Amino acid sequence: MTDYRQGYEFYRQICVNYGLEPVNFHYYILNLSHEQLNAYNEQAKIVGGLIEYEVS
């Protein structure tokens, strides 16, 4: 998935299906790898979106 918000929504739906409490979006992003965040930011540049998360 090129949009981590879509991935997060999928994750939330799976949590609901299994009766689990999902973490919030910002915690979800914090647990992504540097490679995943870099790929997200590169895709955002290509489609002209905002780069929301820095890789430190």
N, C-alpha and C. Protein backbone atom coordinates (compact mmCIF):
# COMPACT_ATOMS: atom_id res chain seq x y z
N MET A 1 0.84 -1.18 0.00
CA MET A 1 0.00 0.00 0.00
C MET A 1 0.88 1.23 0.00
N THR A 2 0.56 2.16 -0.84
CA THR A 2 1.38 3.37 -0.91
C THR A 2 0.98 4.40 0.13
N ASP A 3 -0.16 4.29 0.71
CA ASP A 3 -0.62 5.26 1.70
C ASP A 3 -0.75 4.58 3.04
N TYR A 4 0.04 5.03 4.02
CA TYR A 4 -0.01 4.39 5.33
C TYR A 4 -1.31 4.63 6.05
N ARG A 5 -2.06 5.63 5.63
CA ARG A 5 -3.39 5.81 6.23
C ARG A 5 -4.31 4.66 5.80
N GLN A 6 -4.17 4.23 4.56
CA GLN A 6 -4.95 3.08 4.11
C GLN A 6 -4.52 1.83 4.88
N GLY A 7 -3.23 1.68 5.06
CA GLY A 7 -2.72 0.55 5.83
C GLY A 7 -3.21 0.59 7.26
N TYR A 8 -3.24 1.77 7.84
CA TYR A 8 -3.72 1.92 9.21
C TYR A 8 -5.19 1.57 9.31
N GLU A 9 -5.99 2.01 8.36
CA GLU A 9 -7.42 1.70 8.38
C GLU A 9 -7.64 0.19 8.26
N PHE A 10 -6.83 -0.47 7.43
CA PHE A 10 -6.91 -1.93 7.32
C PHE A 10 -6.56 -2.57 8.66
N TYR A 11 -5.49 -2.11 9.29
CA TYR A 11 -5.08 -2.60 10.60
C TYR A 11 -6.20 -2.42 11.63
N ARG A 12 -6.82 -1.23 11.63
CA ARG A 12 -7.91 -0.98 12.58
C ARG A 12 -9.07 -1.94 12.36
N GLN A 13 -9.41 -2.20 11.10
CA GLN A 13 -10.52 -3.11 10.80
C GLN A 13 -10.22 -4.52 11.30
N ILE A 14 -8.99 -4.96 11.11
CA ILE A 14 -8.61 -6.29 11.61
C ILE A 14 -8.70 -6.33 13.12
N CYS A 15 -8.26 -5.27 13.80
CA CYS A 15 -8.37 -5.21 15.26
C CYS A 15 -9.83 -5.34 15.69
N VAL A 16 -10.72 -4.60 15.02
CA VAL A 16 -12.14 -4.66 15.35
C VAL A 16 -12.66 -6.08 15.14
N ASN A 17 -12.25 -6.71 14.05
CA ASN A 17 -12.72 -8.07 13.75
C ASN A 17 -12.33 -9.05 14.85
N TYR A 18 -11.19 -8.83 15.49
CA TYR A 18 -10.71 -9.74 16.53
C TYR A 18 -10.92 -9.21 17.95
N GLY A 19 -11.66 -8.10 18.06
CA GLY A 19 -11.96 -7.56 19.37
C GLY A 19 -10.77 -6.94 20.09
N LEU A 20 -9.80 -6.45 19.32
CA LEU A 20 -8.61 -5.83 19.90
C LEU A 20 -8.70 -4.31 19.81
N GLU A 21 -8.03 -3.63 20.72
CA GLU A 21 -7.97 -2.17 20.71
C GLU A 21 -6.77 -1.73 19.86
N PRO A 22 -7.00 -1.03 18.74
CA PRO A 22 -5.87 -0.60 17.91
C PRO A 22 -5.13 0.57 18.55
N VAL A 23 -3.84 0.69 18.23
CA VAL A 23 -3.07 1.85 18.66
C VAL A 23 -3.47 3.03 17.78
N ASN A 24 -3.18 4.25 18.23
CA ASN A 24 -3.53 5.41 17.41
C ASN A 24 -2.56 5.52 16.23
N PHE A 25 -2.94 6.36 15.26
CA PHE A 25 -2.19 6.48 14.01
C PHE A 25 -0.75 6.91 14.24
N HIS A 26 -0.54 7.85 15.14
CA HIS A 26 0.82 8.35 15.36
C HIS A 26 1.72 7.28 15.97
N TYR A 27 1.20 6.46 16.86
CA TYR A 27 1.99 5.35 17.41
C TYR A 27 2.27 4.32 16.32
N TYR A 28 1.28 4.09 15.48
CA TYR A 28 1.43 3.17 14.34
C TYR A 28 2.59 3.63 13.45
N ILE A 29 2.63 4.94 13.15
CA ILE A 29 3.70 5.50 12.32
C ILE A 29 5.05 5.39 13.03
N LEU A 30 5.08 5.63 14.32
CA LEU A 30 6.34 5.56 15.08
C LEU A 30 6.98 4.18 15.02
N ASN A 31 6.17 3.16 14.79
CA ASN A 31 6.68 1.80 14.76
C ASN A 31 7.01 1.28 13.37
N LEU A 32 6.93 2.15 12.37
CA LEU A 32 7.36 1.76 11.03
C LEU A 32 8.87 1.87 10.92
N SER A 33 9.44 1.11 10.02
CA SER A 33 10.89 1.16 9.82
C SER A 33 11.28 2.41 9.04
N HIS A 34 12.56 2.74 9.07
CA HIS A 34 13.07 3.88 8.30
C HIS A 34 12.81 3.68 6.81
N GLU A 35 12.95 2.46 6.34
CA GLU A 35 12.71 2.18 4.93
C GLU A 35 11.26 2.43 4.56
N GLN A 36 10.34 2.03 5.43
CA GLN A 36 8.92 2.24 5.16
C GLN A 36 8.59 3.73 5.14
N LEU A 37 9.14 4.49 6.09
CA LEU A 37 8.89 5.93 6.12
C LEU A 37 9.50 6.64 4.93
N ASN A 38 10.70 6.23 4.53
CA ASN A 38 11.32 6.82 3.35
C ASN A 38 10.47 6.56 2.11
N ALA A 39 9.98 5.34 1.97
CA ALA A 39 9.14 5.01 0.82
C ALA A 39 7.85 5.83 0.84
N TYR A 40 7.27 6.01 2.02
CA TYR A 40 6.06 6.82 2.15
C TYR A 40 6.33 8.26 1.72
N ASN A 41 7.43 8.83 2.20
CA ASN A 41 7.76 10.21 1.87
C ASN A 41 8.08 10.38 0.38
N GLU A 42 8.77 9.42 -0.22
CA GLU A 42 9.05 9.48 -1.65
C GLU A 42 7.76 9.44 -2.46
N GLN A 43 6.83 8.58 -2.06
CA GLN A 43 5.55 8.49 -2.76
C GLN A 43 4.78 9.80 -2.61
N ALA A 44 4.84 10.40 -1.43
CA ALA A 44 4.15 11.67 -1.20
C ALA A 44 4.70 12.76 -2.11
N LYS A 45 6.02 12.77 -2.32
CA LYS A 45 6.63 13.74 -3.22
C LYS A 45 6.14 13.55 -4.65
N ILE A 46 6.05 12.30 -5.08
CA ILE A 46 5.65 11.98 -6.46
C ILE A 46 4.21 12.44 -6.72
N VAL A 47 3.31 12.18 -5.77
CA VAL A 47 1.91 12.53 -5.99
C VAL A 47 1.58 13.94 -5.53
N GLY A 48 2.59 14.66 -5.03
CA GLY A 48 2.38 16.05 -4.64
C GLY A 48 1.72 16.23 -3.30
N GLY A 49 1.78 15.19 -2.47
CA GLY A 49 1.18 15.30 -1.14
C GLY A 49 2.14 15.89 -0.13
N LEU A 50 1.69 15.94 1.08
CA LEU A 50 2.50 16.47 2.17
C LEU A 50 3.40 15.38 2.74
N ILE A 51 4.60 15.77 3.13
CA ILE A 51 5.48 14.85 3.84
C ILE A 51 5.23 15.10 5.31
N GLU A 52 4.58 14.13 5.94
CA GLU A 52 4.13 14.35 7.31
C GLU A 52 5.12 13.85 8.36
N TYR A 53 5.98 12.93 8.01
CA TYR A 53 6.80 12.29 9.02
C TYR A 53 8.26 12.30 8.62
N GLU A 54 9.09 12.73 9.54
CA GLU A 54 10.53 12.77 9.32
C GLU A 54 11.15 11.46 9.78
N VAL A 55 12.19 11.06 9.12
CA VAL A 55 12.97 9.91 9.54
C VAL A 55 14.18 10.45 10.26
N SER A 56 14.32 10.08 11.53
CA SER A 56 15.46 10.60 12.28
C SER A 56 16.55 9.56 12.45
